[in-house]
Protein backbone atom coordinates (compact mmCIF):
# COMPACT_ATOMS: atom_id res chain seq x y z
CA UNK A 1 -6.41 -11.18 32.74
CA UNK A 2 -3.87 -13.93 33.44
CA UNK A 3 -2.98 -14.55 37.07
CA UNK A 4 0.30 -12.85 37.97
CA UNK A 5 1.58 -16.23 39.22
CA UNK A 6 1.71 -17.43 35.59
CA UNK A 7 3.98 -14.51 34.60
CA UNK A 8 6.21 -15.28 37.58
CA UNK A 9 6.54 -18.87 36.34
CA UNK A 10 7.43 -17.70 32.83
CA UNK A 11 10.04 -15.23 34.06
CA UNK A 12 11.69 -17.66 36.47
CA UNK A 13 11.90 -20.25 33.70
CA UNK A 14 13.40 -17.60 31.38
CA UNK A 15 15.98 -16.22 33.83
CA UNK A 16 16.67 -19.37 35.85
CA UNK A 17 16.73 -17.24 38.98
CA UNK A 18 14.11 -15.94 41.42
CA UNK A 19 15.95 -12.71 42.08
CA UNK A 20 16.40 -11.79 38.40
CA UNK A 21 12.76 -12.71 37.75
CA UNK A 22 11.68 -10.41 40.58
CA UNK A 23 13.73 -7.54 39.16
CA UNK A 24 12.28 -8.06 35.67
CA UNK A 25 8.72 -8.04 37.00
CA UNK A 26 9.31 -5.22 39.52
CA UNK A 27 8.40 -7.54 42.40
CA UNK A 28 10.25 -8.77 45.47
CA UNK A 29 12.03 -12.10 45.55
CA UNK A 30 9.73 -13.40 48.35
CA UNK A 31 6.71 -12.55 46.17
CA UNK A 32 8.10 -14.63 43.30
CA UNK A 33 8.81 -17.53 45.65
CA UNK A 34 5.26 -17.30 47.02
CA UNK A 35 3.80 -17.34 43.48
CA UNK A 36 5.72 -20.49 42.54
CA UNK A 37 4.76 -22.25 45.80
CA UNK A 38 1.11 -21.32 45.25
CA UNK A 39 1.18 -22.76 41.70
CA UNK A 40 2.82 -25.95 42.94
CA UNK A 41 0.13 -26.27 45.61
CA UNK A 42 -2.71 -25.66 43.12
CA UNK A 43 -1.34 -28.15 40.60
CA UNK A 44 -0.06 -30.69 43.13
CA UNK A 45 3.41 -30.84 41.57
CA UNK A 46 6.96 -29.60 42.03
CA UNK A 47 7.82 -27.13 39.27
CA UNK A 48 11.45 -26.36 40.09
CA UNK A 49 14.18 -28.23 41.91
CA UNK A 50 17.41 -26.71 43.17
CA UNK A 51 20.70 -28.47 42.51
CA UNK A 52 24.15 -26.99 43.13
CA UNK A 53 22.67 -23.50 43.53
CA UNK A 54 20.89 -23.78 40.17
CA UNK A 55 17.20 -24.16 39.39
CA UNK A 56 16.10 -27.07 37.24
CA UNK A 57 12.56 -27.42 35.94
CA UNK A 58 10.87 -30.79 36.51
CA UNK A 59 9.03 -32.80 33.87
CA UNK A 60 5.72 -31.73 35.43
CA UNK A 61 7.06 -28.18 35.50
CA UNK A 62 7.84 -28.36 31.78
CA UNK A 63 4.22 -29.28 31.10
CA UNK A 64 2.97 -26.42 33.29
CA UNK A 65 5.37 -24.04 31.50
CA UNK A 66 4.12 -25.19 28.10
CA UNK A 67 0.54 -24.26 28.97
CA UNK A 68 1.62 -21.05 30.70
CA UNK A 69 3.22 -19.95 27.42
CA UNK A 70 0.01 -20.75 25.56
CA UNK A 71 -2.02 -18.72 28.05
CA UNK A 72 0.32 -15.74 27.69
CA UNK A 73 0.23 -15.99 23.89
CA UNK A 74 -3.57 -16.11 23.88
CA UNK A 75 -3.78 -13.03 26.08
CA UNK A 76 -1.29 -11.18 23.87
CA UNK A 77 -3.35 -12.10 20.80
CA UNK A 78 -6.54 -10.92 22.47
CA UNK A 79 -4.99 -7.59 23.39
CA UNK A 80 -3.70 -7.17 19.82
CA UNK A 81 -7.16 -7.87 18.41
CA UNK A 82 -8.69 -5.37 20.84
CA UNK A 83 -6.09 -2.78 19.81
CA UNK A 84 -6.90 -3.46 16.16
CA UNK A 85 -10.59 -2.99 16.87
CA UNK A 86 -9.95 0.30 18.63
CA UNK A 87 -7.75 1.45 15.75
CA UNK A 88 -10.08 0.20 13.03
CA UNK A 89 -10.83 2.91 10.51
CA UNK A 90 -14.41 3.84 9.84
CA UNK A 91 -13.49 6.14 6.96
CA UNK A 92 -10.49 6.68 4.75
CA UNK A 93 -9.75 9.69 2.56
CA UNK A 94 -7.53 8.96 -0.43
CA UNK A 95 -6.14 11.47 -2.88
CA UNK A 96 -5.51 10.36 -6.46
CA UNK A 97 -4.34 11.94 -9.70
CA UNK A 98 -6.47 12.20 -12.84
CA UNK A 99 -4.45 9.31 -14.26
CA UNK A 100 -5.28 7.09 -11.29
CA UNK A 101 -8.93 8.10 -11.59
CA UNK A 102 -9.05 6.46 -15.02
CA UNK A 103 -7.46 3.08 -14.25
CA UNK A 104 -7.97 0.09 -11.95
CA UNK A 105 -7.20 1.96 -8.74
CA UNK A 106 -10.67 3.37 -8.09
CA UNK A 107 -12.21 -0.04 -8.79
CA UNK A 108 -9.75 -1.53 -6.28
CA UNK A 109 -10.87 1.00 -3.65
CA UNK A 110 -14.51 0.15 -4.25
CA UNK A 111 -13.75 -3.56 -4.06
CA UNK A 112 -11.79 -3.15 -0.84
CA UNK A 113 -14.62 -1.21 0.78
CA UNK A 114 -17.07 -3.98 -0.09
CA UNK A 115 -14.76 -6.77 1.08
CA UNK A 116 -13.61 -5.21 4.36
CA UNK A 117 -14.28 -7.55 7.27
CA UNK A 118 -16.85 -5.42 9.04
CA UNK A 119 -18.10 -3.65 5.93
CA UNK A 120 -17.68 -0.33 7.72
CA UNK A 121 -14.78 1.26 5.84
CA UNK A 122 -16.04 4.24 3.88
CA UNK A 123 -13.51 5.42 1.29
CA UNK A 124 -13.65 9.02 0.11
CA UNK A 125 -11.66 9.77 -3.05
CA UNK A 126 -10.36 13.23 -3.99
CA UNK A 127 -8.68 14.06 -7.31
CA UNK A 128 -5.85 16.58 -7.59
CA UNK A 129 -2.37 17.16 -8.97
CA UNK A 130 0.61 15.38 -7.43
CA UNK A 131 2.04 18.52 -5.71
CA UNK A 132 -1.35 19.31 -4.19
CA UNK A 133 -1.77 15.72 -3.00
CA UNK A 134 1.55 15.92 -1.16
CA UNK A 135 0.42 19.17 0.46
CA UNK A 136 -2.85 17.55 1.52
CA UNK A 137 -0.94 14.62 3.05
CA UNK A 138 1.31 16.94 5.03
CA UNK A 139 -1.72 18.90 6.25
CA UNK A 140 -3.58 15.69 7.23
CA UNK A 141 -6.40 16.52 4.81
CA UNK A 142 -6.06 13.04 3.29
CA UNK A 143 -4.88 9.73 4.76
CA UNK A 144 -3.31 8.23 1.65
CA UNK A 145 -2.38 9.33 -1.84
CA UNK A 146 -1.83 7.51 -5.12
CA UNK A 147 0.92 9.23 -7.08
CA UNK A 148 3.17 8.61 -10.03
CA UNK A 149 6.83 8.39 -9.00
CA UNK A 150 8.20 9.21 -5.56
CA UNK A 151 10.22 11.81 -3.67
CA UNK A 152 13.06 11.53 -1.14
CA UNK A 153 11.00 13.10 1.66
CA UNK A 154 11.85 11.12 4.85
CA UNK A 155 8.38 11.76 6.29
CA UNK A 156 6.72 9.71 3.55
CA UNK A 157 6.36 5.95 3.15
CA UNK A 158 5.81 4.48 -0.33
CA UNK A 159 4.23 1.20 -1.38
CA UNK A 160 4.56 0.40 -5.09
CA UNK A 161 1.25 -0.62 -6.63
CA UNK A 162 2.34 -0.97 -10.22
CA UNK A 163 4.65 0.32 -12.94
CA UNK A 164 3.34 2.27 -15.90
CA UNK A 165 4.54 3.95 -19.06
CA UNK A 166 3.25 6.41 -21.62
CA UNK A 167 1.98 5.31 -25.02
CA UNK A 168 0.39 6.91 -28.05
CA UNK A 169 -3.33 6.17 -28.04
CA UNK A 170 -4.89 5.94 -31.50
CA UNK A 171 -8.25 4.88 -32.91
CA UNK A 172 -8.62 1.34 -34.29
CA UNK A 173 -9.42 3.09 -37.60
CA UNK A 174 -6.19 5.08 -37.60
CA UNK A 175 -3.73 4.25 -40.44
CA UNK A 176 -1.07 3.33 -37.85
CA UNK A 177 -3.38 1.08 -35.80
CA UNK A 178 -1.70 -2.04 -37.17
CA UNK A 179 1.85 -0.83 -36.47
CA UNK A 180 4.04 -2.12 -33.64
CA UNK A 181 5.17 1.38 -32.66
CA UNK A 182 5.11 4.99 -33.74
CA UNK A 183 8.19 7.05 -34.55
CA UNK A 184 8.78 10.59 -33.40
CA UNK A 185 8.55 11.85 -36.99
CA UNK A 186 5.19 10.10 -37.43
CA UNK A 187 3.96 11.58 -34.15
CA UNK A 188 4.94 15.06 -35.28
CA UNK A 189 2.53 14.71 -38.22
CA UNK A 190 -0.44 13.88 -35.97
CA UNK A 191 -2.94 16.20 -34.33
CA UNK A 192 -2.27 15.77 -30.61
CA UNK A 193 -4.86 15.91 -27.84
CA UNK A 194 -2.82 16.26 -24.65
CA UNK A 195 -3.23 16.61 -20.91
CA UNK A 196 -2.68 20.08 -19.45
CA UNK A 197 0.93 21.20 -18.79
CA UNK A 198 0.62 20.79 -14.99
CA UNK A 199 -0.28 17.09 -15.22
CA UNK A 200 2.38 14.51 -14.35
CA UNK A 201 1.70 12.74 -17.67
CA UNK A 202 2.40 15.89 -19.67
CA UNK A 203 5.50 16.67 -17.60
CA UNK A 204 6.88 13.17 -18.16
CA UNK A 205 6.27 13.44 -21.91
CA UNK A 206 7.97 16.82 -22.14
CA UNK A 207 10.89 15.64 -20.00
CA UNK A 208 11.40 12.66 -22.33
CA UNK A 209 11.34 15.00 -25.33
CA UNK A 210 13.92 17.29 -23.72
CA UNK A 211 16.21 14.29 -23.15
CA UNK A 212 16.14 13.86 -26.94
CA UNK A 213 16.78 17.59 -27.54
CA UNK A 214 13.17 18.17 -28.61
CA UNK A 215 10.35 20.41 -27.44
CA UNK A 216 6.58 20.16 -27.27
CA UNK A 217 6.60 23.09 -29.71
CA UNK A 218 7.80 20.67 -32.37
CA UNK A 219 4.39 18.93 -32.32
CA UNK A 220 0.92 19.85 -33.53
CA UNK A 221 -1.00 20.16 -30.23
CA UNK A 222 -4.58 20.98 -31.24
CA UNK A 223 -6.35 20.47 -27.89
CA UNK A 224 -5.33 20.44 -24.21
CA UNK A 225 -7.71 19.02 -21.62
CA UNK A 226 -7.31 17.22 -18.31
CA UNK A 227 -10.35 14.95 -18.51
CA UNK A 228 -8.92 11.62 -19.60
CA UNK A 229 -12.30 10.09 -20.38
CA UNK A 230 -12.97 12.94 -22.81
CA UNK A 231 -9.53 12.52 -24.41
CA UNK A 232 -10.19 8.82 -24.96
CA UNK A 233 -13.61 9.56 -26.48
CA UNK A 234 -11.99 11.99 -28.93
CA UNK A 235 -9.28 9.45 -29.82
CA UNK A 236 -11.88 6.74 -30.40
CA UNK A 237 -13.72 9.15 -32.70
CA UNK A 238 -10.44 9.52 -34.63
CA UNK A 239 -10.30 13.27 -33.98
CA UNK A 240 -6.66 13.09 -32.97
CA UNK A 241 -4.15 10.95 -31.07
CA UNK A 242 -2.93 11.34 -27.51
CA UNK A 243 -0.01 10.49 -25.27
CA UNK A 244 -1.47 8.83 -22.19
CA UNK A 245 -0.49 6.48 -19.40
CA UNK A 246 -1.04 2.92 -20.59
CA UNK A 247 -2.85 2.12 -17.32
CA UNK A 248 -5.63 4.55 -18.24
CA UNK A 249 -6.39 2.69 -21.48
CA UNK A 250 -6.37 -0.93 -20.28
CA UNK A 251 -10.12 -1.46 -20.56
CA UNK A 252 -10.32 0.15 -24.03
CA UNK A 253 -7.27 -1.82 -25.18
CA UNK A 254 -8.83 -5.08 -24.02
CA UNK A 255 -12.02 -4.26 -25.91
CA UNK A 256 -9.97 -3.05 -28.92
CA UNK A 257 -11.54 0.40 -28.76
CA UNK A 258 -8.11 2.05 -28.51
CA UNK A 259 -4.75 0.91 -29.87
CA UNK A 260 -1.68 1.64 -27.72
CA UNK A 261 1.56 2.26 -29.61
CA UNK A 262 4.96 2.63 -27.90
CA UNK A 263 6.94 5.65 -29.08
CA UNK A 264 10.25 4.65 -30.64
CA UNK A 265 13.35 5.60 -28.62
CA UNK A 266 11.31 7.43 -26.00
CA UNK A 267 11.38 5.83 -22.55
CA UNK A 268 8.60 7.12 -20.30
CA UNK A 269 8.33 4.59 -17.47
CA UNK A 270 7.21 5.46 -13.94
CA UNK A 271 6.01 3.85 -10.72
CA UNK A 272 2.48 4.09 -9.35
CA UNK A 273 2.74 4.34 -5.56
CA UNK A 274 0.46 4.40 -2.55
CA UNK A 275 1.99 6.90 -0.12
CA UNK A 276 1.29 7.99 3.45
CA UNK A 277 2.99 9.80 6.32
CA UNK A 278 5.16 7.79 8.71
CA UNK A 279 2.68 8.30 11.56
CA UNK A 280 -0.22 6.69 9.67
CA UNK A 281 -1.30 3.99 12.16
CA UNK A 282 -3.29 1.59 10.00
CA UNK A 283 -0.89 -0.76 8.20
CA UNK A 284 -3.65 -3.35 7.75
CA UNK A 285 -5.57 -0.94 5.53
CA UNK A 286 -2.51 -0.25 3.38
CA UNK A 287 -1.79 -3.96 3.01
CA UNK A 288 -5.44 -4.60 2.13
CA UNK A 289 -5.52 -1.90 -0.54
CA UNK A 290 -2.25 -3.05 -2.12
CA UNK A 291 -3.47 -6.65 -2.18
CA UNK A 292 -6.87 -5.71 -3.61
CA UNK A 293 -5.30 -3.58 -6.35
CA UNK A 294 -3.12 -6.52 -7.38
CA UNK A 295 -6.20 -8.74 -7.66
CA UNK A 296 -8.26 -6.17 -9.59
CA UNK A 297 -5.34 -5.40 -11.91
CA UNK A 298 -5.30 -9.04 -13.11
CA UNK A 299 -8.75 -8.54 -14.68
CA UNK A 300 -7.21 -6.23 -17.27
CA UNK A 301 -4.38 -8.53 -18.30
């Protein structure tokens, strides 16, 4: 869009030499000289003066250079905006775990879709286990995934959304509802309603038990189910207690429908990450989703 004479001016000012400017722009030195003379004629000024075999820009030339830089910056900005428009996503497929399905993440996706600048981003959400989500990413079946923890795979890029930890969820009517925490011995006496063994929540719980030389067989597991909403309904009905990610109970905790108790001497902390392949070309969407999640998450504090 910008006249090539403007780029010649910028390059001569940068290099201080017509020949080096010509080489940088893949032009001949006479072409550069002609461009500068033409600009001087159009503007009615002298842009450069030669002294002791060196070029010096004049005061009028400095002013012309100032506006030439502005013109070049405006064109660069225009081209970037056009590239962004060409790259703008019309749809986004995101894979999430069952844990993510039950916390603020889905609400953040819905909010982001509504607030996107052109209102055209359609977000499709799929729920699966963490290993399957990684497979779907590698096979380009999904664009992004929300997972607990991270791997060392060099093909993947992680953006931390939040940190989370496991708690014991009990009914407000439970005898321990007023306690500050629950001990392992107390937990062993409870009827447990747990996620299925292939869930990341269950694996984290069992791993923490193993670190304390214990096994899931030491507990009274009466029901295993992957639907977190159902588990929370059963806990609220005081039909058992569960070990869940705290993030899945935030709304119920705020409304005092579920009491969250830390488990004494059992550390079960993990990251919640938004992950994509290195060749995912829409950083603005990632930044927008991370920012929106942070804003939505504050509602539950």
